[in-house]
């Protein structure tokens, strides 16, 4: 074969380019606080929707999904990409844990409604889901940034 081995300076340049790319990816995790709150609001609205009957439940669900679409559009416009929460890597176990908690909140909401709990209880569960999701978004963001910065 007639291939030249990679020279040391080319290897350093390639490693530096890779490091810079990871740094740029980590910068995707620099979300403003309102972005985390928006995710929390969407999750809270999804949970709240289960407190109501039809058609209000569907209307709230549509609003929540519209919120997801707006978040994705904002991410793509600001960063040029949307980083999916289910992506592989260190964020995936955290994402599935957060998903499990949100599903439990939905089940609690449905159970409370079936037991005749009032709207105040529904708003309480939805508020808790919103706070948990907002905090979860912040932690997910930190995990993502560390992963990108460390190159793991």
N, C-alpha and C. Protein backbone atom coordinates (compact mmCIF):
# COMPACT_ATOMS: atom_id res chain seq x y z
N UNK A 1 0.83 -1.17 0.00
CA UNK A 1 0.00 0.00 0.00
C UNK A 1 0.88 1.23 0.00
N UNK A 2 0.32 2.27 -0.52
CA UNK A 2 1.09 3.48 -0.70
C UNK A 2 0.54 4.63 0.15
N UNK A 3 0.02 4.33 1.35
CA UNK A 3 -0.57 5.36 2.19
C UNK A 3 0.49 5.95 3.11
N UNK A 4 0.44 7.26 3.26
CA UNK A 4 1.33 7.93 4.20
C UNK A 4 0.72 7.86 5.60
N UNK A 5 1.54 7.57 6.57
CA UNK A 5 1.00 7.58 7.93
C UNK A 5 0.62 9.02 8.31
N UNK A 6 -0.35 9.13 9.21
CA UNK A 6 -0.76 10.46 9.67
C UNK A 6 0.37 11.08 10.45
N UNK A 7 0.67 12.30 10.10
CA UNK A 7 1.73 13.00 10.81
C UNK A 7 1.18 13.49 12.15
N UNK A 8 2.09 13.72 13.08
CA UNK A 8 1.71 14.14 14.44
C UNK A 8 0.93 15.44 14.42
N UNK A 9 1.32 16.39 13.59
CA UNK A 9 0.61 17.67 13.57
C UNK A 9 -0.79 17.52 12.99
N UNK A 10 -0.96 16.61 12.03
CA UNK A 10 -2.30 16.35 11.49
C UNK A 10 -3.18 15.69 12.54
N UNK A 11 -2.60 14.79 13.31
CA UNK A 11 -3.36 14.13 14.37
C UNK A 11 -3.78 15.13 15.43
N UNK A 12 -2.88 16.04 15.81
CA UNK A 12 -3.23 17.08 16.79
C UNK A 12 -4.35 17.97 16.27
N UNK A 13 -4.26 18.34 15.00
CA UNK A 13 -5.30 19.18 14.39
C UNK A 13 -6.64 18.46 14.40
N UNK A 14 -6.63 17.18 14.09
CA UNK A 14 -7.87 16.40 14.08
C UNK A 14 -8.46 16.31 15.48
N UNK A 15 -7.61 16.07 16.48
CA UNK A 15 -8.09 16.01 17.86
C UNK A 15 -8.63 17.35 18.33
N UNK A 16 -7.97 18.42 17.94
CA UNK A 16 -8.44 19.76 18.29
C UNK A 16 -9.78 20.06 17.62
N UNK A 17 -9.94 19.66 16.38
CA UNK A 17 -11.21 19.86 15.68
C UNK A 17 -12.32 19.08 16.37
N UNK A 18 -12.02 17.86 16.81
CA UNK A 18 -13.00 17.06 17.51
C UNK A 18 -13.36 17.71 18.85
N UNK A 19 -12.37 18.24 19.56
CA UNK A 19 -12.63 18.90 20.83
C UNK A 19 -13.51 20.14 20.63
N UNK A 20 -13.23 20.90 19.59
CA UNK A 20 -14.03 22.10 19.30
C UNK A 20 -15.47 21.73 18.95
N UNK A 21 -15.65 20.65 18.22
CA UNK A 21 -16.99 20.20 17.87
C UNK A 21 -17.76 19.81 19.12
N UNK A 22 -17.10 19.10 20.02
CA UNK A 22 -17.75 18.71 21.28
C UNK A 22 -18.10 19.94 22.11
N UNK A 23 -17.23 20.93 22.11
CA UNK A 23 -17.51 22.17 22.83
C UNK A 23 -18.73 22.85 22.24
N UNK A 24 -18.82 22.88 20.92
CA UNK A 24 -19.99 23.48 20.27
C UNK A 24 -21.26 22.71 20.60
N UNK A 25 -21.16 21.39 20.66
CA UNK A 25 -22.32 20.58 21.05
C UNK A 25 -22.71 20.85 22.50
N UNK A 26 -21.72 20.99 23.36
CA UNK A 26 -22.00 21.30 24.76
C UNK A 26 -22.70 22.64 24.88
N UNK A 27 -22.36 23.57 24.00
CA UNK A 27 -23.01 24.88 24.02
C UNK A 27 -24.49 24.79 23.68
N UNK A 28 -24.91 23.72 23.02
CA UNK A 28 -26.33 23.52 22.78
C UNK A 28 -27.09 23.42 24.10
N UNK A 29 -26.38 23.03 25.14
CA UNK A 29 -26.99 22.89 26.45
C UNK A 29 -27.15 24.19 27.20
N UNK A 30 -26.71 25.30 26.63
CA UNK A 30 -26.87 26.60 27.28
C UNK A 30 -28.27 27.13 27.03
N UNK A 31 -29.23 26.55 27.69
CA UNK A 31 -30.62 26.97 27.52
C UNK A 31 -30.96 28.05 28.53
N UNK A 32 -31.73 29.04 28.12
CA UNK A 32 -32.18 30.05 29.07
C UNK A 32 -33.20 29.42 30.04
N UNK A 33 -33.35 29.99 31.20
CA UNK A 33 -34.28 29.42 32.19
C UNK A 33 -35.71 29.25 31.66
N UNK A 34 -36.15 30.17 30.81
CA UNK A 34 -37.52 30.06 30.31
C UNK A 34 -37.70 28.79 29.47
N UNK A 35 -36.62 28.30 28.86
CA UNK A 35 -36.70 27.09 28.03
C UNK A 35 -37.02 25.87 28.90
N UNK A 36 -36.38 25.81 30.08
CA UNK A 36 -36.67 24.73 31.02
C UNK A 36 -38.10 24.86 31.54
N UNK A 37 -38.49 26.09 31.86
CA UNK A 37 -39.85 26.35 32.35
C UNK A 37 -40.89 26.00 31.30
N UNK A 38 -40.58 26.24 30.03
CA UNK A 38 -41.51 25.90 28.94
C UNK A 38 -41.73 24.39 28.88
N UNK A 39 -40.65 23.63 29.04
CA UNK A 39 -40.78 22.17 29.07
C UNK A 39 -41.64 21.75 30.26
N UNK A 40 -41.38 22.36 31.41
CA UNK A 40 -42.19 22.05 32.59
C UNK A 40 -43.65 22.39 32.39
N UNK A 41 -43.92 23.51 31.74
CA UNK A 41 -45.31 23.92 31.48
C UNK A 41 -46.01 22.93 30.55
N UNK A 42 -45.30 22.47 29.54
CA UNK A 42 -45.89 21.49 28.61
C UNK A 42 -46.23 20.21 29.36
N UNK A 43 -45.32 19.74 30.18
CA UNK A 43 -45.59 18.50 30.92
C UNK A 43 -46.71 18.69 31.94
N UNK A 44 -46.71 19.84 32.61
CA UNK A 44 -47.79 20.13 33.55
C UNK A 44 -49.14 20.19 32.86
N UNK A 45 -49.17 20.79 31.67
CA UNK A 45 -50.43 20.89 30.92
C UNK A 45 -50.92 19.51 30.49
N UNK A 46 -49.99 18.64 30.10
CA UNK A 46 -50.38 17.27 29.75
C UNK A 46 -51.02 16.57 30.94
N UNK A 47 -50.40 16.71 32.10
CA UNK A 47 -50.93 16.08 33.30
C UNK A 47 -52.27 16.72 33.69
N UNK A 48 -52.35 18.04 33.60
CA UNK A 48 -53.59 18.75 33.94
C UNK A 48 -54.73 18.31 33.05
N UNK A 49 -54.45 18.05 31.78
CA UNK A 49 -55.51 17.70 30.84
C UNK A 49 -56.31 16.49 31.32
N UNK A 50 -55.69 15.61 32.08
CA UNK A 50 -56.37 14.41 32.54
C UNK A 50 -57.38 14.70 33.65
N UNK A 51 -57.39 15.92 34.18
CA UNK A 51 -58.36 16.30 35.21
C UNK A 51 -59.72 16.63 34.62
N UNK A 52 -59.76 16.84 33.34
CA UNK A 52 -60.98 17.29 32.68
C UNK A 52 -61.55 16.20 31.81
N UNK A 53 -62.82 16.36 31.46
CA UNK A 53 -63.46 15.47 30.52
C UNK A 53 -63.31 16.00 29.11
N UNK A 54 -63.91 15.26 28.20
CA UNK A 54 -63.91 15.68 26.80
C UNK A 54 -64.84 16.88 26.67
N UNK A 55 -64.64 17.80 25.80
CA UNK A 55 -63.57 17.98 24.84
C UNK A 55 -62.39 18.78 25.40
N UNK A 56 -62.53 19.31 26.62
CA UNK A 56 -61.47 20.16 27.18
C UNK A 56 -60.15 19.39 27.30
N UNK A 57 -60.22 18.11 27.61
CA UNK A 57 -59.01 17.29 27.70
C UNK A 57 -58.25 17.31 26.37
N UNK A 58 -58.97 17.18 25.28
CA UNK A 58 -58.34 17.18 23.95
C UNK A 58 -57.77 18.55 23.63
N UNK A 59 -58.50 19.60 23.98
CA UNK A 59 -58.03 20.96 23.71
C UNK A 59 -56.71 21.22 24.45
N UNK A 60 -56.66 20.84 25.72
CA UNK A 60 -55.43 21.02 26.50
C UNK A 60 -54.29 20.18 25.94
N UNK A 61 -54.59 18.97 25.50
CA UNK A 61 -53.57 18.12 24.90
C UNK A 61 -53.02 18.78 23.63
N UNK A 62 -53.89 19.33 22.81
CA UNK A 62 -53.46 20.00 21.58
C UNK A 62 -52.58 21.20 21.92
N UNK A 63 -52.96 21.98 22.94
CA UNK A 63 -52.12 23.10 23.36
C UNK A 63 -50.74 22.62 23.82
N UNK A 64 -50.71 21.52 24.57
CA UNK A 64 -49.43 20.98 25.04
C UNK A 64 -48.56 20.54 23.87
N UNK A 65 -49.15 19.85 22.91
CA UNK A 65 -48.38 19.40 21.76
C UNK A 65 -47.93 20.59 20.90
N UNK A 66 -48.74 21.62 20.85
CA UNK A 66 -48.32 22.85 20.16
C UNK A 66 -47.12 23.47 20.87
N UNK A 67 -47.12 23.38 22.20
CA UNK A 67 -45.98 23.86 22.97
C UNK A 67 -44.72 23.09 22.64
N UNK A 68 -44.85 21.78 22.48
CA UNK A 68 -43.70 20.96 22.09
C UNK A 68 -43.19 21.41 20.72
N UNK A 69 -44.10 21.63 19.79
CA UNK A 69 -43.71 22.05 18.44
C UNK A 69 -43.00 23.41 18.48
N UNK A 70 -43.48 24.31 19.32
CA UNK A 70 -42.83 25.63 19.45
C UNK A 70 -41.43 25.51 20.05
N UNK A 71 -41.27 24.64 21.03
CA UNK A 71 -39.96 24.43 21.65
C UNK A 71 -38.98 23.86 20.61
N UNK A 72 -39.43 22.87 19.87
CA UNK A 72 -38.58 22.26 18.84
C UNK A 72 -38.20 23.31 17.79
N UNK A 73 -39.18 24.10 17.36
CA UNK A 73 -38.90 25.13 16.35
C UNK A 73 -37.91 26.17 16.90
N UNK A 74 -38.08 26.56 18.16
CA UNK A 74 -37.16 27.54 18.76
C UNK A 74 -35.74 26.96 18.83
N UNK A 75 -35.63 25.71 19.26
CA UNK A 75 -34.31 25.07 19.33
C UNK A 75 -33.65 25.01 17.96
N UNK A 76 -34.42 24.63 16.96
CA UNK A 76 -33.85 24.53 15.61
C UNK A 76 -33.44 25.89 15.07
N UNK A 77 -34.24 26.91 15.37
CA UNK A 77 -33.91 28.25 14.90
C UNK A 77 -32.68 28.79 15.63
N UNK A 78 -32.59 28.56 16.92
CA UNK A 78 -31.48 29.10 17.72
C UNK A 78 -30.19 28.32 17.52
N UNK A 79 -30.31 26.97 17.53
CA UNK A 79 -29.11 26.12 17.49
C UNK A 79 -28.89 25.45 16.15
N UNK A 80 -29.91 25.42 15.30
CA UNK A 80 -29.80 24.71 14.04
C UNK A 80 -30.09 23.23 14.17
N UNK A 81 -30.45 22.79 15.38
CA UNK A 81 -30.71 21.38 15.63
C UNK A 81 -31.59 21.25 16.87
N UNK A 82 -32.33 20.16 16.94
CA UNK A 82 -33.07 19.82 18.15
C UNK A 82 -32.47 18.55 18.70
N UNK A 83 -32.03 18.58 19.95
CA UNK A 83 -31.43 17.41 20.57
C UNK A 83 -32.54 16.63 21.26
N UNK A 84 -32.84 15.47 20.74
CA UNK A 84 -33.89 14.62 21.26
C UNK A 84 -33.52 14.09 22.64
N UNK A 85 -34.46 14.13 23.56
CA UNK A 85 -34.22 13.63 24.91
C UNK A 85 -33.95 12.14 24.98
N UNK A 86 -34.35 11.40 23.95
CA UNK A 86 -34.16 9.95 23.95
C UNK A 86 -32.87 9.53 23.25
N UNK A 87 -32.03 10.48 22.94
CA UNK A 87 -30.76 10.20 22.28
C UNK A 87 -29.95 9.22 23.13
N UNK A 88 -29.05 8.52 22.50
CA UNK A 88 -28.17 7.62 23.24
C UNK A 88 -27.20 8.42 24.10
N UNK A 89 -26.62 7.77 25.04
CA UNK A 89 -25.65 8.43 25.90
C UNK A 89 -26.12 8.48 27.34
N UNK A 90 -25.45 9.30 28.11
CA UNK A 90 -25.72 9.36 29.55
C UNK A 90 -27.06 9.99 29.90
N UNK A 91 -27.65 10.71 28.96
CA UNK A 91 -28.94 11.33 29.25
C UNK A 91 -30.10 10.34 29.15
N UNK A 92 -29.93 9.26 28.42
CA UNK A 92 -31.04 8.33 28.19
C UNK A 92 -31.61 7.74 29.48
N UNK A 93 -30.80 7.21 30.40
CA UNK A 93 -31.40 6.68 31.63
C UNK A 93 -32.17 7.76 32.41
N UNK A 94 -31.63 8.97 32.43
CA UNK A 94 -32.31 10.05 33.12
C UNK A 94 -33.65 10.36 32.43
N UNK A 95 -33.65 10.37 31.11
CA UNK A 95 -34.87 10.64 30.35
C UNK A 95 -35.93 9.60 30.66
N UNK A 96 -35.55 8.32 30.70
CA UNK A 96 -36.53 7.28 31.00
C UNK A 96 -37.03 7.38 32.44
N UNK A 97 -36.17 7.79 33.35
CA UNK A 97 -36.61 8.01 34.73
C UNK A 97 -37.61 9.15 34.82
N UNK A 98 -37.32 10.24 34.13
CA UNK A 98 -38.24 11.38 34.13
C UNK A 98 -39.56 10.99 33.46
N UNK A 99 -39.49 10.23 32.39
CA UNK A 99 -40.70 9.75 31.72
C UNK A 99 -41.53 8.90 32.68
N UNK A 100 -40.88 8.03 33.43
CA UNK A 100 -41.60 7.18 34.39
C UNK A 100 -42.31 8.04 35.44
N UNK A 101 -41.64 9.05 35.93
CA UNK A 101 -42.25 9.93 36.93
C UNK A 101 -43.45 10.65 36.33
N UNK A 102 -43.32 11.14 35.11
CA UNK A 102 -44.44 11.84 34.47
C UNK A 102 -45.62 10.89 34.23
N UNK A 103 -45.32 9.65 33.86
CA UNK A 103 -46.40 8.67 33.68
C UNK A 103 -47.09 8.38 35.01
N UNK A 104 -46.31 8.32 36.09
CA UNK A 104 -46.91 8.14 37.42
C UNK A 104 -47.80 9.32 37.78
N UNK A 105 -47.38 10.52 37.41
CA UNK A 105 -48.20 11.70 37.68
C UNK A 105 -49.51 11.64 36.89
N UNK A 106 -49.44 11.15 35.64
CA UNK A 106 -50.65 10.97 34.84
C UNK A 106 -51.59 9.94 35.48
N UNK A 107 -51.01 8.83 35.92
CA UNK A 107 -51.81 7.79 36.56
C UNK A 107 -52.44 8.33 37.84
N UNK A 108 -51.69 9.08 38.63
CA UNK A 108 -52.24 9.69 39.84
C UNK A 108 -53.39 10.63 39.48
N UNK A 109 -53.21 11.41 38.45
CA UNK A 109 -54.25 12.35 38.03
C UNK A 109 -55.53 11.61 37.63
N UNK A 110 -55.36 10.53 36.87
CA UNK A 110 -56.52 9.73 36.44
C UNK A 110 -57.19 9.09 37.65
N UNK A 111 -56.38 8.58 38.56
CA UNK A 111 -56.92 7.94 39.77
C UNK A 111 -57.69 8.96 40.61
N UNK A 112 -57.12 10.14 40.80
CA UNK A 112 -57.81 11.18 41.57
C UNK A 112 -59.13 11.57 40.92
N UNK A 113 -59.13 11.70 39.61
CA UNK A 113 -60.37 12.05 38.90
C UNK A 113 -61.41 10.95 39.08
N UNK A 114 -60.98 9.69 39.01
CA UNK A 114 -61.92 8.57 39.16
C UNK A 114 -62.48 8.50 40.57
N UNK A 115 -61.77 9.05 41.54
CA UNK A 115 -62.23 9.08 42.94
C UNK A 115 -63.02 10.34 43.26
N UNK A 116 -63.24 11.16 42.25
CA UNK A 116 -64.05 12.35 42.45
C UNK A 116 -63.32 13.54 43.05
N UNK A 117 -62.00 13.52 43.00
CA UNK A 117 -61.24 14.65 43.53
C UNK A 117 -61.55 15.89 42.70
N UNK A 118 -61.52 17.02 43.34
CA UNK A 118 -61.84 18.27 42.66
C UNK A 118 -60.70 18.76 41.80
N UNK A 119 -60.97 19.87 41.12
CA UNK A 119 -59.96 20.46 40.24
C UNK A 119 -58.75 20.96 41.01
N UNK A 120 -58.94 21.33 42.26
CA UNK A 120 -57.81 21.81 43.05
C UNK A 120 -56.74 20.71 43.16
N UNK A 121 -57.17 19.48 43.38
CA UNK A 121 -56.22 18.36 43.42
C UNK A 121 -55.56 18.18 42.06
N UNK A 122 -56.34 18.32 40.99
CA UNK A 122 -55.78 18.19 39.64
C UNK A 122 -54.73 19.24 39.36
N UNK A 123 -55.02 20.47 39.76
CA UNK A 123 -54.04 21.54 39.57
C UNK A 123 -52.81 21.32 40.43
N UNK A 124 -53.00 20.74 41.62
CA UNK A 124 -51.86 20.45 42.49
C UNK A 124 -50.93 19.42 41.88
N UNK A 125 -51.50 18.35 41.35
CA UNK A 125 -50.69 17.29 40.71
C UNK A 125 -50.00 17.86 39.46
N UNK A 126 -50.73 18.63 38.68
CA UNK A 126 -50.15 19.23 37.47
C UNK A 126 -49.03 20.21 37.84
N UNK A 127 -49.24 20.97 38.90
CA UNK A 127 -48.19 21.90 39.35
C UNK A 127 -46.94 21.15 39.78
N UNK A 128 -47.14 20.05 40.51
CA UNK A 128 -45.99 19.24 40.93
C UNK A 128 -45.28 18.66 39.71
N UNK A 129 -46.05 18.19 38.73
CA UNK A 129 -45.45 17.64 37.51
C UNK A 129 -44.65 18.71 36.78
N UNK A 130 -45.18 19.91 36.75
CA UNK A 130 -44.49 21.01 36.08
C UNK A 130 -43.16 21.34 36.76
N UNK A 131 -43.18 21.39 38.09
CA UNK A 131 -41.95 21.68 38.83
C UNK A 131 -40.93 20.56 38.63
N UNK A 132 -41.38 19.31 38.73
CA UNK A 132 -40.48 18.17 38.55
C UNK A 132 -39.88 18.18 37.14
N UNK A 133 -40.72 18.45 36.14
CA UNK A 133 -40.22 18.47 34.75
C UNK A 133 -39.24 19.61 34.52
N UNK A 134 -39.50 20.77 35.12
CA UNK A 134 -38.58 21.90 34.97
C UNK A 134 -37.23 21.58 35.59
N UNK A 135 -37.25 21.06 36.81
CA UNK A 135 -36.00 20.67 37.47
C UNK A 135 -35.32 19.55 36.69
N UNK A 136 -36.12 18.61 36.19
CA UNK A 136 -35.57 17.52 35.39
C UNK A 136 -34.89 18.03 34.13
N UNK A 137 -35.47 19.05 33.50
CA UNK A 137 -34.87 19.64 32.30
C UNK A 137 -33.50 20.25 32.62
N UNK A 138 -33.42 20.91 33.76
CA UNK A 138 -32.14 21.51 34.16
C UNK A 138 -31.09 20.42 34.38
N UNK A 139 -31.47 19.35 35.08
CA UNK A 139 -30.52 18.26 35.33
C UNK A 139 -30.15 17.54 34.04
N UNK A 140 -31.13 17.31 33.15
CA UNK A 140 -30.83 16.68 31.86
C UNK A 140 -29.80 17.51 31.12
N UNK A 141 -30.00 18.82 31.14
CA UNK A 141 -29.09 19.75 30.48
C UNK A 141 -27.68 19.63 31.03
N UNK A 142 -27.56 19.54 32.33
CA UNK A 142 -26.23 19.41 32.96
C UNK A 142 -25.56 18.11 32.57
N UNK A 143 -26.31 17.03 32.54
CA UNK A 143 -25.76 15.73 32.14
C UNK A 143 -25.27 15.81 30.69
N UNK A 144 -26.08 16.40 29.82
CA UNK A 144 -25.72 16.53 28.41
C UNK A 144 -24.44 17.34 28.25
N UNK A 145 -24.37 18.47 28.93
CA UNK A 145 -23.17 19.32 28.82
C UNK A 145 -21.93 18.59 29.30
N UNK A 146 -22.03 17.91 30.44
CA UNK A 146 -20.85 17.17 30.95
C UNK A 146 -20.43 16.09 29.95
N UNK A 147 -21.40 15.42 29.38
CA UNK A 147 -21.08 14.36 28.42
C UNK A 147 -20.36 14.92 27.20
N UNK A 148 -20.83 16.04 26.71
CA UNK A 148 -20.20 16.65 25.53
C UNK A 148 -18.82 17.23 25.88
N UNK A 149 -18.72 17.82 27.04
CA UNK A 149 -17.43 18.42 27.42
C UNK A 149 -16.37 17.37 27.70
N UNK A 150 -16.77 16.24 28.24
CA UNK A 150 -15.82 15.17 28.56
C UNK A 150 -15.55 14.26 27.38
N UNK A 151 -16.44 14.30 26.42
CA UNK A 151 -16.25 13.45 25.26
C UNK A 151 -16.58 12.00 25.54
N UNK A 152 -17.44 11.79 26.54
CA UNK A 152 -17.78 10.41 26.92
C UNK A 152 -18.79 9.82 25.98
